[in-house]
Amino acid sequence: MPDPDRPQELPARLLTDPEMIDACRVRDFARVFRLVKVRAGIYPSMIARRCDLTPSRVGEVIAGRRHLQHMDVIERISGGLRIPGDMLGLARRAWETPQALVVDEREAPQTPEPEQQAPASLPGPDVDSILALATRTSLNKATLEAFRSSIEDYWRRDDQHGGEALRPAIVGQLRYVVGLLKESRPPSIQNGLYGIAAELARLTGWTYFDARQYNQARAYFTEALQLAKEIDDRQFMANVLACMSLQATYQDKPADSLALVTAAQDQARSALGSTPRVMSMLAMREAFAHATLGNRDDTHRAIGEAHSQLADRRE
């Protein structure tokens, strides 16, 4: 009879479910615990025991009255429920190494009785985790939509509460997606992953920008540019350059601000689908940079360009 306190791997069908992937990525443990209960039959009292939590705390999480954010707790959940580290933005956990590859020199291997011998075609009790590793890389459009949905949720929560508390989850998701880009996939999926990674990098940059940690913000904005360039998304590149221009203004670097917004305008002009409203906003940002530099004539010219773009939009 299996020991109920010994962590067992979750079913592969649960670990590869887009809803579970999304819940883990945003570290929504209320959803994670509910899915584990319904899909794997692991009830809250067992979740509490496996993850070294109190039953009342697990109940509060499921009810939405408590949020788990401390890294040590997240690591205990990963280990207790056998959720692979990359799903939660963690490093690969030690137990993720298939048992067949682990060498223990202190104990001699024991041969099970014939009636207990696992079929030669199966790798034993680790089959679910091995299947999970194999199937989790089979991404489809539904998985990409789950990524995008989580990013939209990040933006909403950032607007409401600020992004500092969200940053570890966002960075974890970014690194996970960047890791997926190293594998060969159909162009539609690969391009979608590049766009998602670029958006996550830009969002991370914003969380640092809001915290006035400008060097880190610039590093992530630069990463967002590089990712967008891989798929030639010029509108997105224009947006990121405009963000960097605004940051340079806050850092009292008007010359940098002007150079960045000029580059943003160049990208927007060459992009398909750029709207007059976007060009007008970029012109106003250029005007602000010129005004900071004391360039009176160029400031008026840029303001005139902004008005002209809006006039074109109304026609």
Protein backbone atom coordinates (compact mmCIF):
# COMPACT_ATOMS: atom_id res chain seq x y z
CA MET A 1 0.00 0.00 0.00
CA PRO A 2 1.51 3.39 -0.97
CA ASP A 3 2.50 5.75 1.81
CA PRO A 4 0.09 8.76 1.72
CA ASP A 5 2.81 11.04 3.10
CA ARG A 6 5.29 10.19 0.33
CA PRO A 7 5.08 12.79 -2.48
CA GLN A 8 3.72 11.29 -5.66
CA GLU A 9 4.05 12.85 -9.10
CA LEU A 10 0.99 14.63 -10.44
CA PRO A 11 -0.66 13.14 -13.52
CA ALA A 12 0.91 14.26 -16.80
CA ARG A 13 -2.51 15.33 -18.06
CA LEU A 14 -2.72 17.83 -15.18
CA LEU A 15 0.82 19.19 -15.54
CA THR A 16 0.25 19.80 -19.25
CA ASP A 17 -3.21 21.32 -18.86
CA PRO A 18 -3.15 25.02 -19.99
CA GLU A 19 -5.17 26.03 -16.94
CA MET A 20 -2.64 24.43 -14.60
CA ILE A 21 0.26 25.93 -16.56
CA ASP A 22 -1.29 29.40 -16.30
CA ALA A 23 -2.11 29.02 -12.58
CA CYS A 24 1.46 27.95 -11.78
CA ARG A 25 3.01 30.66 -13.90
CA VAL A 26 1.18 33.45 -12.07
CA ARG A 27 1.54 31.56 -8.78
CA ASP A 28 -2.20 31.52 -8.21
CA PHE A 29 -2.14 28.80 -5.58
CA ALA A 30 -5.87 28.99 -4.97
CA ARG A 31 -6.35 27.65 -8.50
CA VAL A 32 -3.40 25.27 -8.20
CA PHE A 33 -4.78 23.69 -5.01
CA ARG A 34 -8.27 23.41 -6.48
CA LEU A 35 -6.96 21.75 -9.63
CA VAL A 36 -4.81 19.36 -7.61
CA LYS A 37 -7.84 18.43 -5.51
CA VAL A 38 -10.21 17.91 -8.43
CA ARG A 39 -7.83 16.41 -11.00
CA ALA A 40 -5.44 14.44 -8.77
CA GLY A 41 -7.61 13.66 -5.74
CA ILE A 42 -5.19 15.32 -3.30
CA TYR A 43 -7.37 17.00 -0.71
CA PRO A 44 -6.51 20.14 1.33
CA SER A 45 -5.48 18.22 4.43
CA MET A 46 -3.02 16.19 2.35
CA ILE A 47 -1.82 19.32 0.55
CA ALA A 48 -1.12 20.88 3.95
CA ARG A 49 0.83 17.83 5.14
CA ARG A 50 2.89 17.51 1.96
CA CYS A 51 3.76 21.23 1.78
CA ASP A 52 4.37 21.71 5.52
CA LEU A 53 1.46 24.14 5.80
CA THR A 54 -1.39 24.24 8.30
CA PRO A 55 -4.79 23.05 7.04
CA SER A 56 -6.31 26.41 7.95
CA ARG A 57 -3.71 28.23 5.86
CA VAL A 58 -4.44 26.01 2.86
CA GLY A 59 -8.15 26.69 3.35
CA GLU A 60 -7.55 30.45 3.40
CA VAL A 61 -5.52 30.21 0.18
CA ILE A 62 -8.25 28.24 -1.60
CA ALA A 63 -10.86 30.76 -0.38
CA GLY A 64 -8.76 33.64 -1.74
CA ARG A 65 -8.13 35.21 1.67
CA ARG A 66 -4.39 34.57 1.68
CA HIS A 67 -1.71 34.77 -1.03
CA LEU A 68 1.52 32.81 -0.88
CA GLN A 69 4.54 34.79 -2.07
CA HIS A 70 7.51 33.76 0.09
CA MET A 71 10.05 31.78 -1.91
CA ASP A 72 10.58 29.12 0.74
CA VAL A 73 6.84 28.37 0.79
CA ILE A 74 6.73 28.18 -3.01
CA GLU A 75 9.68 25.76 -2.97
CA ARG A 76 7.89 23.58 -0.39
CA ILE A 77 4.78 23.51 -2.60
CA SER A 78 6.88 22.53 -5.60
CA GLY A 79 8.50 19.70 -3.66
CA GLY A 80 5.41 18.57 -1.79
CA LEU A 81 3.15 18.41 -4.83
CA ARG A 82 5.91 17.49 -7.27
CA ILE A 83 5.29 20.49 -9.51
CA PRO A 84 8.38 20.92 -11.76
CA GLY A 85 10.40 23.99 -10.86
CA ASP A 86 10.17 25.67 -14.26
CA MET A 87 6.37 25.80 -13.97
CA LEU A 88 6.71 28.01 -10.87
CA GLY A 89 9.68 30.07 -12.03
CA LEU A 90 12.13 28.05 -9.91
CA ALA A 91 15.33 26.26 -10.77
CA ARG A 92 15.11 22.57 -11.64
CA ARG A 93 14.38 20.65 -8.44
CA ALA A 94 16.68 17.81 -7.38
CA TRP A 95 13.87 15.27 -7.47
CA GLU A 96 13.20 16.01 -11.14
CA THR A 97 16.15 13.78 -12.08
CA PRO A 98 14.64 10.43 -13.12
CA GLN A 99 15.30 7.81 -10.45
CA ALA A 100 16.97 5.53 -12.99
CA LEU A 101 19.78 8.09 -13.33
CA VAL A 102 20.42 8.50 -9.59
CA VAL A 103 23.38 6.53 -8.20
CA ASP A 104 23.37 5.79 -4.48
CA GLU A 105 26.66 4.20 -3.48
CA ARG A 106 25.61 3.60 0.10
CA GLU A 107 23.03 0.96 -0.70
CA ALA A 108 23.21 -2.07 -2.95
CA PRO A 109 20.42 -2.20 -5.52
CA GLN A 110 17.61 -4.54 -4.58
CA THR A 111 15.84 -6.66 -7.16
CA PRO A 112 12.08 -6.70 -6.61
CA GLU A 113 10.16 -9.93 -6.44
CA PRO A 114 9.05 -11.22 -9.86
CA GLU A 115 5.41 -10.32 -9.23
CA GLN A 116 6.47 -6.74 -8.35
CA GLN A 117 8.74 -6.25 -11.38
CA ALA A 118 7.53 -3.34 -13.54
CA PRO A 119 6.98 -4.09 -17.22
CA ALA A 120 10.15 -3.54 -19.24
CA SER A 121 8.36 -1.04 -21.48
CA LEU A 122 7.67 1.39 -18.60
CA PRO A 123 10.17 3.38 -16.51
CA GLY A 124 8.37 2.49 -13.27
CA PRO A 125 6.74 4.97 -10.86
CA ASP A 126 8.31 7.98 -12.59
CA VAL A 127 6.35 7.51 -15.80
CA ASP A 128 4.05 10.47 -15.17
CA SER A 129 6.93 12.88 -14.60
CA ILE A 130 8.71 11.58 -17.70
CA LEU A 131 5.56 11.97 -19.77
CA ALA A 132 5.12 15.47 -18.36
CA LEU A 133 8.62 16.43 -19.48
CA ALA A 134 7.89 15.03 -22.93
CA THR A 135 4.46 16.54 -23.46
CA ARG A 136 4.94 19.91 -21.84
CA THR A 137 7.04 21.01 -24.80
CA SER A 138 4.16 20.37 -27.24
CA LEU A 139 2.82 23.88 -27.30
CA ASN A 140 -0.25 24.93 -29.24
CA LYS A 141 -2.38 28.04 -29.74
CA ALA A 142 -4.31 27.39 -26.54
CA THR A 143 -1.05 27.45 -24.57
CA LEU A 144 -0.06 30.77 -26.17
CA GLU A 145 -3.47 32.20 -25.23
CA ALA A 146 -2.90 31.07 -21.64
CA PHE A 147 0.41 32.96 -21.66
CA ARG A 148 -1.26 36.09 -23.03
CA SER A 149 -4.09 35.85 -20.52
CA SER A 150 -1.60 35.74 -17.67
CA ILE A 151 0.20 38.82 -19.06
CA GLU A 152 -3.08 40.74 -19.20
CA ASP A 153 -3.69 39.76 -15.58
CA TYR A 154 -0.20 40.99 -14.64
CA TRP A 155 -0.93 44.38 -16.21
CA ARG A 156 -4.26 44.68 -14.36
CA ARG A 157 -2.67 43.80 -11.05
CA ASP A 158 0.23 46.15 -11.74
CA ASP A 159 -2.24 49.02 -12.33
CA GLN A 160 -4.08 48.21 -9.11
CA HIS A 161 -1.28 47.36 -6.69
CA GLY A 162 2.05 48.11 -8.38
CA GLY A 163 4.41 45.61 -9.92
CA GLU A 164 7.06 44.99 -7.27
CA ALA A 165 5.26 42.05 -5.66
CA LEU A 166 4.52 40.57 -9.09
CA ARG A 167 8.06 40.85 -10.40
CA PRO A 168 9.38 37.41 -9.29
CA ALA A 169 6.49 35.67 -11.03
CA ILE A 170 6.89 37.77 -14.19
CA VAL A 171 10.64 37.17 -14.36
CA GLY A 172 10.11 33.47 -13.74
CA GLN A 173 7.63 33.29 -16.59
CA LEU A 174 9.97 35.29 -18.84
CA ARG A 175 12.87 32.91 -18.21
CA TYR A 176 10.62 29.91 -18.80
CA VAL A 177 9.43 31.26 -22.16
CA VAL A 178 12.97 32.21 -23.21
CA GLY A 179 13.97 28.63 -22.42
CA LEU A 180 11.20 27.36 -24.69
CA LEU A 181 12.61 29.47 -27.53
CA LYS A 182 15.73 27.28 -27.61
CA GLU A 183 13.72 24.40 -29.02
CA SER A 184 12.58 24.01 -32.62
CA ARG A 185 8.86 24.65 -33.17
CA PRO A 186 6.50 25.58 -36.02
CA PRO A 187 6.98 29.25 -37.07
CA SER A 188 3.53 30.33 -35.84
CA ILE A 189 4.22 28.96 -32.34
CA GLN A 190 7.83 30.18 -32.26
CA ASN A 191 6.87 33.70 -33.34
CA GLY A 192 4.11 33.73 -30.76
CA LEU A 193 6.60 32.78 -28.06
CA TYR A 194 8.96 35.58 -29.13
CA GLY A 195 6.09 38.08 -28.86
CA ILE A 196 5.12 36.78 -25.41
CA ALA A 197 8.73 36.90 -24.19
CA ALA A 198 9.10 40.47 -25.50
CA GLU A 199 5.93 41.54 -23.68
CA LEU A 200 7.10 39.92 -20.44
CA ALA A 201 10.48 41.66 -20.72
CA ARG A 202 8.78 45.02 -21.32
CA LEU A 203 6.47 44.45 -18.33
CA THR A 204 9.45 43.57 -16.14
CA GLY A 205 11.13 46.77 -17.29
CA TRP A 206 8.06 48.74 -16.22
CA THR A 207 8.08 47.21 -12.74
CA TYR A 208 11.68 48.36 -12.30
CA PHE A 209 10.91 51.74 -13.87
CA ASP A 210 8.06 52.31 -11.39
CA ALA A 211 10.48 51.47 -8.58
CA ARG A 212 13.01 53.96 -10.04
CA GLN A 213 15.57 51.20 -10.54
CA TYR A 214 16.50 52.58 -13.93
CA ASN A 215 19.51 50.43 -14.78
CA GLN A 216 17.52 47.23 -14.35
CA ALA A 217 14.60 48.73 -16.26
CA ARG A 218 16.83 49.62 -19.19
CA ALA A 219 18.30 46.10 -19.25
CA TYR A 220 14.86 44.52 -19.54
CA PHE A 221 13.65 47.08 -22.09
CA THR A 222 16.73 46.23 -24.15
CA GLU A 223 15.92 42.53 -23.88
CA ALA A 224 12.36 43.28 -25.04
CA LEU A 225 13.77 45.10 -28.08
CA GLN A 226 16.02 42.17 -28.97
CA LEU A 227 13.15 39.69 -28.71
CA ALA A 228 10.82 41.85 -30.81
CA LYS A 229 13.53 42.32 -33.41
CA GLU A 230 13.68 38.54 -33.91
CA ILE A 231 10.15 38.65 -35.35
CA ASP A 232 10.47 42.13 -36.88
CA ASP A 233 7.65 43.54 -34.71
CA ARG A 234 8.39 47.19 -35.41
CA GLN A 235 5.31 48.58 -33.69
CA PHE A 236 6.32 46.85 -30.48
CA MET A 237 9.90 48.07 -30.89
CA ALA A 238 8.59 51.62 -31.30
CA ASN A 239 6.60 51.24 -28.08
CA VAL A 240 9.62 50.00 -26.12
CA LEU A 241 11.84 52.78 -27.47
CA ALA A 242 9.20 55.31 -26.43
CA CYS A 243 9.24 53.80 -22.92
CA MET A 244 13.01 54.16 -22.83
CA SER A 245 12.72 57.74 -24.03
CA LEU A 246 10.37 58.52 -21.15
CA GLN A 247 12.77 56.90 -18.71
CA ALA A 248 15.66 59.00 -20.04
CA THR A 249 13.56 62.10 -19.39
CA TYR A 250 13.05 61.03 -15.76
CA GLN A 251 16.81 60.49 -15.48
CA ASP A 252 17.42 64.05 -16.75
CA LYS A 253 19.04 62.81 -19.95
CA PRO A 254 17.17 64.82 -22.60
CA ALA A 255 19.66 64.07 -25.38
CA ASP A 256 19.17 60.32 -24.84
CA SER A 257 15.42 60.88 -24.68
CA LEU A 258 15.46 62.63 -28.05
CA ALA A 259 17.60 59.95 -29.69
CA LEU A 260 15.34 57.19 -28.41
CA VAL A 261 12.08 58.81 -29.45
CA THR A 262 13.53 59.54 -32.90
CA ALA A 263 14.37 55.86 -33.23
CA ALA A 264 10.83 55.03 -32.08
CA GLN A 265 9.40 57.26 -34.80
CA ASP A 266 11.56 55.56 -37.43
CA GLN A 267 10.32 52.12 -36.36
CA ALA A 268 6.69 53.27 -36.28
CA ARG A 269 6.89 54.81 -39.76
CA SER A 270 8.26 51.58 -41.21
CA ALA A 271 5.70 49.38 -39.44
CA LEU A 272 2.51 48.24 -41.06
CA GLY A 273 -0.60 49.53 -39.34
CA SER A 274 0.90 52.45 -37.40
CA THR A 275 -1.90 54.89 -36.64
CA PRO A 276 -1.90 58.71 -36.69
CA ARG A 277 -2.64 58.66 -32.97
CA VAL A 278 0.57 56.73 -32.29
CA MET A 279 2.59 59.09 -34.49
CA SER A 280 0.99 62.08 -32.72
CA MET A 281 1.94 60.73 -29.30
CA LEU A 282 5.50 60.14 -30.43
CA ALA A 283 5.68 63.66 -31.84
CA MET A 284 4.60 65.05 -28.46
CA ARG A 285 7.28 63.03 -26.74
CA GLU A 286 9.79 64.46 -29.21
CA ALA A 287 8.50 67.96 -28.41
CA PHE A 288 9.01 67.33 -24.71
CA ALA A 289 12.63 66.25 -25.31
CA HIS A 290 13.31 69.35 -27.43
CA ALA A 291 11.74 71.58 -24.78
CA THR A 292 13.96 70.06 -22.11
CA LEU A 293 16.97 70.75 -24.32
CA GLY A 294 15.79 74.33 -24.89
CA ASN A 295 15.25 73.84 -28.64
CA ARG A 296 12.41 76.33 -29.13
CA ASP A 297 11.90 76.00 -32.90
CA ASP A 298 12.12 72.20 -32.88
CA THR A 299 9.66 72.05 -29.99
CA HIS A 300 7.06 74.05 -31.96
CA ARG A 301 7.70 71.97 -35.07
CA ALA A 302 7.13 68.70 -33.19
CA ILE A 303 3.94 70.07 -31.60
CA GLY A 304 2.74 71.06 -35.06
CA GLU A 305 3.43 67.54 -36.31
CA ALA A 306 1.37 66.11 -33.45
CA HIS A 307 -1.57 68.37 -34.36
CA SER A 308 -1.20 67.43 -38.02
CA GLN A 309 -1.33 63.72 -37.25
CA LEU A 310 -4.48 64.16 -35.19
CA ALA A 311 -6.05 66.17 -37.99
CA ASP A 312 -5.32 63.30 -40.40
CA ARG A 313 -7.00 60.91 -37.96
CA ARG A 314 -10.21 62.94 -37.92
CA GLU A 315 -10.45 63.09 -41.71
